[in-house]
Amino acid sequence: LHEVAGEEDETRTLHDAVTGEGKIVGTVAYMSPEQAEGKAVDHRSDIFSLGIVLYEMATGERPFSGDSATAVMSSILRDRPPSPAESRPQLPRHLGRIILQCLEKDPRRRFQSARDVHNGLKSLRRELDSDASRSPSRADIVAAPESTARRWALPLALVAIFLLVGIWWVGRDGPSPEMTPTTHPGSVARPQTPLVAVLPLKNLGPTEDEYFAEGITDEIMSRLATVRGLGVISSGSTSRYAEGDALPSAIGEELGADFVLAGTVRWARQEDGASRVRISPRLVRVEDSVHLWAEIYDRTMEDIFAIQSEIAIRVAQELGATLLEPQRQALESRPTENQEAYQA
């Protein structure tokens, strides 16, 4: 940890800059891309900075470096750091995914709240605790009679430290906007920003169609992440639930989500070469397991983009988000007009 705290150099030269859009603010080594470009920032900029701190703690190295402040800023804007697990193989790979999710260049693709990061780390700790306490097989005992405790000691210690850092990071300037409850006389307190987890859609077709289900899940998640007033838990936290039959409400509780979007998908190829897609999403409120909305979309493959848009719009509406025309247009946009490219 001394490596993280001990490096004070020219990367601090812009620390005292004036705040505001169009001005570059902050310690250069811990800037977000939007800060480096002088753009307006929100709490997701802090998520990026937290990712840099966690990366240093995990690897002893900074994810973005250079010989000058300008070079560091250029690296922040251009480079994608390698996974911490590449330089530290003893680290859990999912820990690397959590850190890299914090370091996404596009704020919409990062964790959308500090609570999201915290819940991801808590889930990882529970997973490591479970693996560490699982009774080893006889073969494991014979092969490595004294290695089990050592194997899990470092990952568990790191995750515990990261959780403490995350708690401090959230609380150092008071509650972040996305975690502050809004209350009114005579009303029930609820999160200001509803937090939704989009679970991987279950593929009901052949195994080779798994990528298709994953693609649709990612598209719906990305569209919802653009809606102002909604928090979306990252795929780094939800992807682990692709397998298993846990109830959506139970998964949502584990992730700290208020709502869960789950469902199934089947890609049906017909003999005449035409294709149909059947998607059955359902929106569940975590606190009482109530299904707020469900639908069955059974259409030709040409309608796949429209289906994704309709699902995202309907979920946003069910969660009380106000969709202005620019947001609606963004939700209805098509990532590619080439159906074959989408299916490839």
Protein backbone atom coordinates (compact mmCIF):
# COMPACT_ATOMS: atom_id res chain seq x y z
CA LEU A 1 0.00 0.00 0.00
CA HIS A 2 2.93 2.37 0.54
CA GLU A 3 3.44 2.44 -3.24
CA VAL A 4 -0.03 3.93 -3.66
CA ALA A 5 0.39 6.57 -0.96
CA GLY A 6 4.04 7.38 -1.57
CA GLU A 7 4.07 8.56 -5.18
CA GLU A 8 3.76 12.36 -5.19
CA ASP A 9 5.12 13.87 -8.40
CA GLU A 10 4.28 16.12 -11.26
CA THR A 11 0.94 14.39 -11.76
CA ARG A 12 -0.42 16.65 -8.98
CA THR A 13 0.27 19.88 -10.90
CA LEU A 14 -3.38 20.49 -11.79
CA HIS A 15 -4.75 19.67 -8.35
CA ASP A 16 -5.75 23.24 -7.51
CA ALA A 17 -7.41 24.06 -10.85
CA VAL A 18 -10.78 25.80 -10.86
CA THR A 19 -13.85 23.57 -11.07
CA GLY A 20 -16.51 23.75 -13.79
CA GLU A 21 -17.16 22.55 -17.32
CA GLY A 22 -14.35 23.50 -19.66
CA LYS A 23 -11.76 23.49 -16.85
CA ILE A 24 -9.43 20.61 -16.06
CA VAL A 25 -9.69 19.71 -12.38
CA GLY A 26 -8.08 17.18 -10.05
CA THR A 27 -4.92 15.21 -9.48
CA VAL A 28 -3.89 14.13 -12.96
CA ALA A 29 -3.05 10.52 -12.13
CA TYR A 30 -6.56 10.00 -10.73
CA MET A 31 -8.54 11.93 -13.32
CA SER A 32 -11.43 10.46 -15.24
CA PRO A 33 -11.48 10.86 -19.04
CA GLU A 34 -14.23 13.47 -18.80
CA GLN A 35 -12.15 15.45 -16.30
CA ALA A 36 -9.11 15.23 -18.56
CA GLU A 37 -11.17 16.67 -21.42
CA GLY A 38 -12.59 19.45 -19.25
CA LYS A 39 -16.16 18.18 -19.55
CA ALA A 40 -18.91 18.30 -16.94
CA VAL A 41 -18.59 15.45 -14.42
CA ASP A 42 -20.86 13.62 -11.99
CA HIS A 43 -20.43 10.89 -9.37
CA ARG A 44 -19.35 8.42 -12.06
CA SER A 45 -16.09 10.36 -12.35
CA ASP A 46 -15.40 9.37 -8.74
CA ILE A 47 -16.08 5.74 -9.70
CA PHE A 48 -13.26 5.97 -12.27
CA SER A 49 -10.88 7.49 -9.70
CA LEU A 50 -11.81 4.73 -7.24
CA GLY A 51 -10.96 2.19 -9.93
CA ILE A 52 -7.47 3.69 -10.25
CA VAL A 53 -6.94 3.42 -6.48
CA LEU A 54 -8.14 -0.20 -6.43
CA TYR A 55 -5.95 -1.07 -9.43
CA GLU A 56 -2.87 0.30 -7.65
CA MET A 57 -3.71 -1.59 -4.48
CA ALA A 58 -4.14 -4.84 -6.39
CA THR A 59 -1.06 -4.62 -8.61
CA GLY A 60 1.29 -2.03 -7.11
CA GLU A 61 1.20 -0.22 -10.45
CA ARG A 62 -0.83 2.62 -11.87
CA PRO A 63 -3.17 1.73 -14.73
CA PHE A 64 -2.23 4.91 -16.60
CA SER A 65 1.29 6.30 -16.61
CA GLY A 66 3.59 8.66 -18.46
CA ASP A 67 6.68 10.84 -18.17
CA SER A 68 4.61 14.00 -17.71
CA ALA A 69 1.15 15.16 -16.70
CA THR A 70 0.26 15.48 -20.38
CA ALA A 71 1.39 11.92 -21.09
CA VAL A 72 -0.63 10.61 -18.15
CA MET A 73 -3.75 12.41 -19.38
CA SER A 74 -3.18 10.99 -22.85
CA SER A 75 -2.93 7.49 -21.39
CA ILE A 76 -6.18 7.98 -19.45
CA LEU A 77 -7.96 9.01 -22.64
CA ARG A 78 -6.43 6.36 -24.91
CA ASP A 79 -5.19 3.26 -23.12
CA ARG A 80 -7.04 0.27 -21.71
CA PRO A 81 -5.08 -1.23 -18.82
CA PRO A 82 -4.56 -5.01 -18.63
CA SER A 83 -6.55 -6.99 -16.11
CA PRO A 84 -4.94 -7.00 -12.65
CA ALA A 85 -5.08 -10.81 -12.79
CA GLU A 86 -2.56 -10.77 -15.65
CA SER A 87 0.19 -9.28 -13.49
CA ARG A 88 -1.05 -10.89 -10.27
CA PRO A 89 -2.32 -14.39 -11.20
CA GLN A 90 -3.24 -15.13 -7.58
CA LEU A 91 -6.00 -12.50 -7.74
CA PRO A 92 -9.58 -13.60 -8.53
CA ARG A 93 -10.41 -12.83 -12.16
CA HIS A 94 -13.77 -11.40 -11.15
CA LEU A 95 -11.96 -8.84 -8.99
CA GLY A 96 -10.16 -7.72 -12.13
CA ARG A 97 -13.48 -7.38 -13.95
CA ILE A 98 -14.87 -5.22 -11.14
CA ILE A 99 -11.85 -2.91 -11.26
CA LEU A 100 -11.88 -2.66 -15.06
CA GLN A 101 -15.60 -1.90 -14.98
CA CYS A 102 -14.76 1.13 -12.84
CA LEU A 103 -12.19 2.18 -15.46
CA GLU A 104 -14.47 2.22 -18.50
CA LYS A 105 -13.89 5.35 -20.61
CA ASP A 106 -17.61 5.84 -21.18
CA PRO A 107 -19.33 6.78 -17.89
CA ARG A 108 -22.44 4.89 -19.03
CA ARG A 109 -20.48 1.62 -19.06
CA ARG A 110 -19.03 2.03 -15.57
CA PHE A 111 -20.69 1.03 -12.34
CA GLN A 112 -23.50 3.56 -12.06
CA SER A 113 -23.22 4.04 -8.30
CA ALA A 114 -20.81 3.54 -5.43
CA ARG A 115 -23.33 1.10 -4.00
CA ASP A 116 -22.97 -0.96 -7.19
CA VAL A 117 -19.20 -1.24 -6.64
CA HIS A 118 -19.69 -2.08 -2.97
CA ASN A 119 -22.25 -4.78 -3.75
CA GLY A 120 -20.00 -6.30 -6.40
CA LEU A 121 -17.16 -6.57 -3.89
CA LYS A 122 -19.48 -7.99 -1.21
CA SER A 123 -20.71 -10.64 -3.64
CA LEU A 124 -17.13 -11.53 -4.53
CA ARG A 125 -16.21 -11.82 -0.84
CA ARG A 126 -19.14 -14.17 -0.22
CA GLU A 127 -18.07 -16.24 -3.21
CA LEU A 128 -14.48 -16.45 -1.94
CA ASP A 129 -15.65 -17.27 1.59
CA SER A 130 -17.76 -20.09 0.19
CA ASP A 131 -14.90 -21.47 -1.90
CA ALA A 132 -12.45 -21.21 0.98
CA SER A 133 -14.74 -23.03 3.41
CA ARG A 134 -15.78 -25.77 0.99
CA SER A 135 -14.49 -29.17 2.10
CA PRO A 136 -11.56 -30.16 -0.13
CA SER A 137 -11.58 -33.47 -1.92
CA ARG A 138 -9.25 -36.27 -0.83
CA ALA A 139 -7.15 -35.66 -3.93
CA ASP A 140 -6.78 -31.98 -3.00
CA ILE A 141 -5.70 -32.89 0.53
CA VAL A 142 -3.06 -35.31 -0.74
CA ALA A 143 -1.79 -32.92 -3.41
CA ALA A 144 -1.64 -29.78 -1.27
CA PRO A 145 -2.19 -30.51 2.41
CA GLU A 146 -1.13 -27.06 3.67
CA SER A 147 -1.89 -24.77 0.74
CA THR A 148 -5.64 -24.17 1.06
CA ALA A 149 -5.47 -21.46 3.72
CA ARG A 150 -2.60 -19.69 1.96
CA ARG A 151 -4.42 -19.88 -1.37
CA TRP A 152 -7.38 -17.83 -0.14
CA ALA A 153 -5.64 -15.59 2.40
CA LEU A 154 -4.48 -12.91 -0.06
CA PRO A 155 -7.68 -12.64 -2.15
CA LEU A 156 -9.87 -12.48 0.96
CA ALA A 157 -7.63 -9.89 2.61
CA LEU A 158 -7.56 -7.73 -0.51
CA VAL A 159 -11.32 -7.81 -0.97
CA ALA A 160 -11.80 -6.91 2.70
CA ILE A 161 -9.45 -3.94 2.31
CA PHE A 162 -11.16 -2.89 -0.92
CA LEU A 163 -14.53 -2.92 0.86
CA LEU A 164 -13.14 -0.59 3.53
CA VAL A 165 -11.67 1.71 0.89
CA GLY A 166 -14.98 1.73 -0.96
CA ILE A 167 -16.88 2.66 2.20
CA TRP A 168 -14.41 5.47 2.91
CA TRP A 169 -14.58 6.64 -0.71
CA VAL A 170 -18.36 6.90 -0.58
CA GLY A 171 -18.44 8.65 2.76
CA ARG A 172 -15.52 11.08 2.44
CA ASP A 173 -17.74 13.82 1.00
CA GLY A 174 -21.05 12.65 2.46
CA PRO A 175 -23.68 10.46 0.75
CA SER A 176 -23.55 10.48 -3.02
CA PRO A 177 -26.69 11.68 -4.85
CA GLU A 178 -27.62 8.24 -6.08
CA MET A 179 -27.66 6.85 -2.53
CA THR A 180 -29.61 9.65 -0.80
CA PRO A 181 -33.21 8.71 0.02
CA THR A 182 -35.99 11.16 -0.75
CA THR A 183 -38.77 11.47 1.81
CA HIS A 184 -41.94 13.52 1.98
CA PRO A 185 -44.46 13.90 4.80
CA GLY A 186 -46.73 10.88 4.82
CA SER A 187 -44.67 9.00 2.25
CA VAL A 188 -42.45 5.94 2.48
CA ALA A 189 -38.73 6.54 2.06
CA ARG A 190 -37.32 5.05 -1.16
CA PRO A 191 -34.11 5.40 -3.13
CA GLN A 192 -33.91 8.56 -5.20
CA THR A 193 -32.59 6.52 -8.09
CA PRO A 194 -34.14 3.05 -8.62
CA LEU A 195 -31.41 0.47 -9.05
CA VAL A 196 -32.17 -2.29 -11.56
CA ALA A 197 -30.23 -5.48 -12.27
CA VAL A 198 -30.56 -6.88 -15.80
CA LEU A 199 -29.91 -10.59 -15.46
CA PRO A 200 -28.54 -12.64 -18.38
CA LEU A 201 -31.45 -13.83 -20.51
CA LYS A 202 -31.77 -17.61 -20.42
CA ASN A 203 -31.13 -19.18 -23.81
CA LEU A 204 -33.83 -21.76 -24.60
CA GLY A 205 -32.23 -22.75 -27.90
CA PRO A 206 -29.08 -24.67 -28.84
CA THR A 207 -25.89 -24.03 -26.89
CA GLU A 208 -24.34 -22.26 -29.87
CA ASP A 209 -26.96 -19.52 -29.50
CA GLU A 210 -25.68 -18.45 -26.07
CA TYR A 211 -23.86 -15.49 -27.63
CA PHE A 212 -27.15 -14.31 -29.13
CA ALA A 213 -28.83 -14.21 -25.70
CA GLU A 214 -25.79 -12.44 -24.26
CA GLY A 215 -25.91 -9.84 -27.02
CA ILE A 216 -29.57 -9.04 -26.41
CA THR A 217 -28.96 -8.77 -22.66
CA ASP A 218 -26.06 -6.36 -23.22
CA GLU A 219 -28.10 -4.22 -25.61
CA ILE A 220 -31.02 -3.88 -23.19
CA MET A 221 -28.63 -3.10 -20.34
CA SER A 222 -26.77 -0.48 -22.39
CA ARG A 223 -30.01 1.22 -23.41
CA LEU A 224 -31.30 1.36 -19.84
CA ALA A 225 -27.98 2.81 -18.68
CA THR A 226 -28.65 5.89 -20.84
CA VAL A 227 -31.89 6.71 -19.01
CA ARG A 228 -31.52 9.58 -16.57
CA GLY A 229 -32.99 8.69 -13.20
CA LEU A 230 -32.18 4.97 -13.37
CA GLY A 231 -29.22 3.10 -11.90
CA VAL A 232 -28.15 -0.07 -13.74
CA ILE A 233 -25.94 -2.67 -12.09
CA SER A 234 -23.05 -3.55 -14.38
CA SER A 235 -22.68 -6.77 -16.30
CA GLY A 236 -19.56 -7.49 -14.24
CA SER A 237 -21.83 -8.09 -11.26
CA THR A 238 -24.76 -9.79 -13.01
CA SER A 239 -22.96 -12.11 -15.46
CA ARG A 240 -22.22 -14.68 -12.74
CA TYR A 241 -25.95 -15.45 -12.59
CA ALA A 242 -26.09 -16.78 -16.15
CA GLU A 243 -26.13 -20.28 -14.69
CA GLY A 244 -28.37 -21.51 -11.90
CA ASP A 245 -32.03 -21.24 -10.98
CA ALA A 246 -32.01 -18.72 -8.14
CA LEU A 247 -35.12 -16.54 -7.88
CA PRO A 248 -34.72 -13.07 -9.41
CA SER A 249 -35.73 -11.47 -6.11
CA ALA A 250 -33.05 -13.43 -4.24
CA ILE A 251 -30.42 -12.37 -6.77
CA GLY A 252 -31.62 -8.78 -6.57
CA GLU A 253 -31.32 -8.83 -2.79
CA GLU A 254 -27.78 -10.16 -3.03
CA LEU A 255 -26.84 -7.43 -5.52
CA GLY A 256 -28.58 -4.69 -3.57
CA ALA A 257 -30.96 -3.96 -6.46
CA ASP A 258 -34.47 -2.55 -6.11
CA PHE A 259 -35.73 -4.27 -9.28
CA VAL A 260 -34.63 -7.17 -11.45
CA LEU A 261 -35.24 -7.70 -15.16
CA ALA A 262 -35.05 -11.39 -16.07
CA GLY A 263 -36.37 -13.51 -18.91
CA THR A 264 -35.78 -16.02 -21.68
CA VAL A 265 -34.92 -15.90 -25.37
CA ARG A 266 -35.18 -18.38 -28.23
CA TRP A 267 -33.87 -17.92 -31.76
CA ALA A 268 -35.92 -20.08 -34.13
CA ARG A 269 -34.47 -20.74 -37.57
CA GLN A 270 -36.97 -21.86 -40.21
CA GLU A 271 -36.42 -24.10 -43.22
CA ASP A 272 -37.11 -21.29 -45.67
CA GLY A 273 -34.19 -19.33 -44.22
CA ALA A 274 -36.33 -16.91 -42.24
CA SER A 275 -35.73 -16.49 -38.52
CA ARG A 276 -37.95 -15.63 -35.61
CA VAL A 277 -37.04 -14.54 -32.12
CA ARG A 278 -39.10 -15.06 -28.98
CA ILE A 279 -38.19 -12.97 -25.93
CA SER A 280 -40.11 -13.17 -22.64
CA PRO A 281 -38.93 -10.48 -20.19
CA ARG A 282 -40.32 -9.91 -16.71
CA LEU A 283 -39.68 -7.10 -14.24
CA VAL A 284 -39.63 -8.09 -10.56
CA ARG A 285 -39.68 -5.86 -7.49
CA VAL A 286 -37.11 -7.26 -5.08
CA GLU A 287 -38.66 -6.31 -1.74
CA ASP A 288 -41.82 -8.40 -2.23
CA SER A 289 -41.09 -10.52 -5.36
CA VAL A 290 -44.04 -8.92 -7.18
CA HIS A 291 -43.98 -9.13 -10.98
CA LEU A 292 -44.58 -5.55 -12.10
CA TRP A 293 -44.58 -6.33 -15.79
CA ALA A 294 -44.17 -9.24 -18.19
CA GLU A 295 -44.53 -9.61 -21.93
CA ILE A 296 -43.95 -12.10 -24.75
CA TYR A 297 -42.37 -10.82 -27.95
CA ASP A 298 -42.64 -13.28 -30.85
CA ARG A 299 -41.50 -11.61 -34.06
CA THR A 300 -39.24 -11.94 -37.05
CA MET A 301 -35.52 -11.34 -36.63
CA GLU A 302 -35.90 -8.03 -38.49
CA ASP A 303 -37.71 -6.68 -35.41
CA ILE A 304 -34.92 -7.49 -32.95
CA PHE A 305 -33.86 -3.84 -32.53
CA ALA A 306 -37.44 -2.70 -32.03
CA ILE A 307 -37.96 -5.38 -29.37
CA GLN A 308 -34.87 -4.30 -27.45
CA SER A 309 -36.02 -0.68 -27.57
CA GLU A 310 -39.56 -1.54 -26.49
CA ILE A 311 -38.31 -3.55 -23.52
CA ALA A 312 -35.98 -0.76 -22.37
CA ILE A 313 -38.69 1.90 -22.77
CA ARG A 314 -41.29 -0.18 -20.95
CA VAL A 315 -38.94 -0.92 -18.04
CA ALA A 316 -38.02 2.76 -17.76
CA GLN A 317 -41.69 3.71 -17.69
CA GLU A 318 -42.54 1.06 -15.09
CA LEU A 319 -39.79 2.44 -12.86
CA GLY A 320 -41.11 5.98 -13.13
CA ALA A 321 -38.44 7.46 -15.39
CA THR A 322 -39.48 10.44 -17.51
CA LEU A 323 -38.33 9.92 -21.09
CA LEU A 324 -37.73 13.14 -22.97
CA GLU A 325 -37.64 12.93 -26.74
CA PRO A 326 -33.80 12.80 -27.02
CA GLN A 327 -33.72 9.89 -24.57
CA ARG A 328 -36.48 8.07 -26.40
CA GLN A 329 -34.59 8.51 -29.66
CA ALA A 330 -31.43 7.15 -28.03
CA LEU A 331 -33.33 4.10 -26.78
CA GLU A 332 -34.76 3.50 -30.24
CA SER A 333 -31.42 3.87 -32.06
CA ARG A 334 -30.02 0.89 -33.96
CA PRO A 335 -26.41 -0.20 -33.35
CA THR A 336 -26.21 -1.74 -36.84
CA GLU A 337 -28.56 -2.02 -39.78
CA ASN A 338 -26.97 -5.28 -40.90
CA GLN A 339 -28.94 -8.22 -39.51
CA GLU A 340 -26.30 -10.73 -40.59
CA ALA A 341 -23.62 -8.78 -38.71
CA TYR A 342 -25.78 -8.81 -35.61
CA GLN A 343 -26.30 -12.56 -35.85
CA ALA A 344 -22.66 -13.32 -36.60
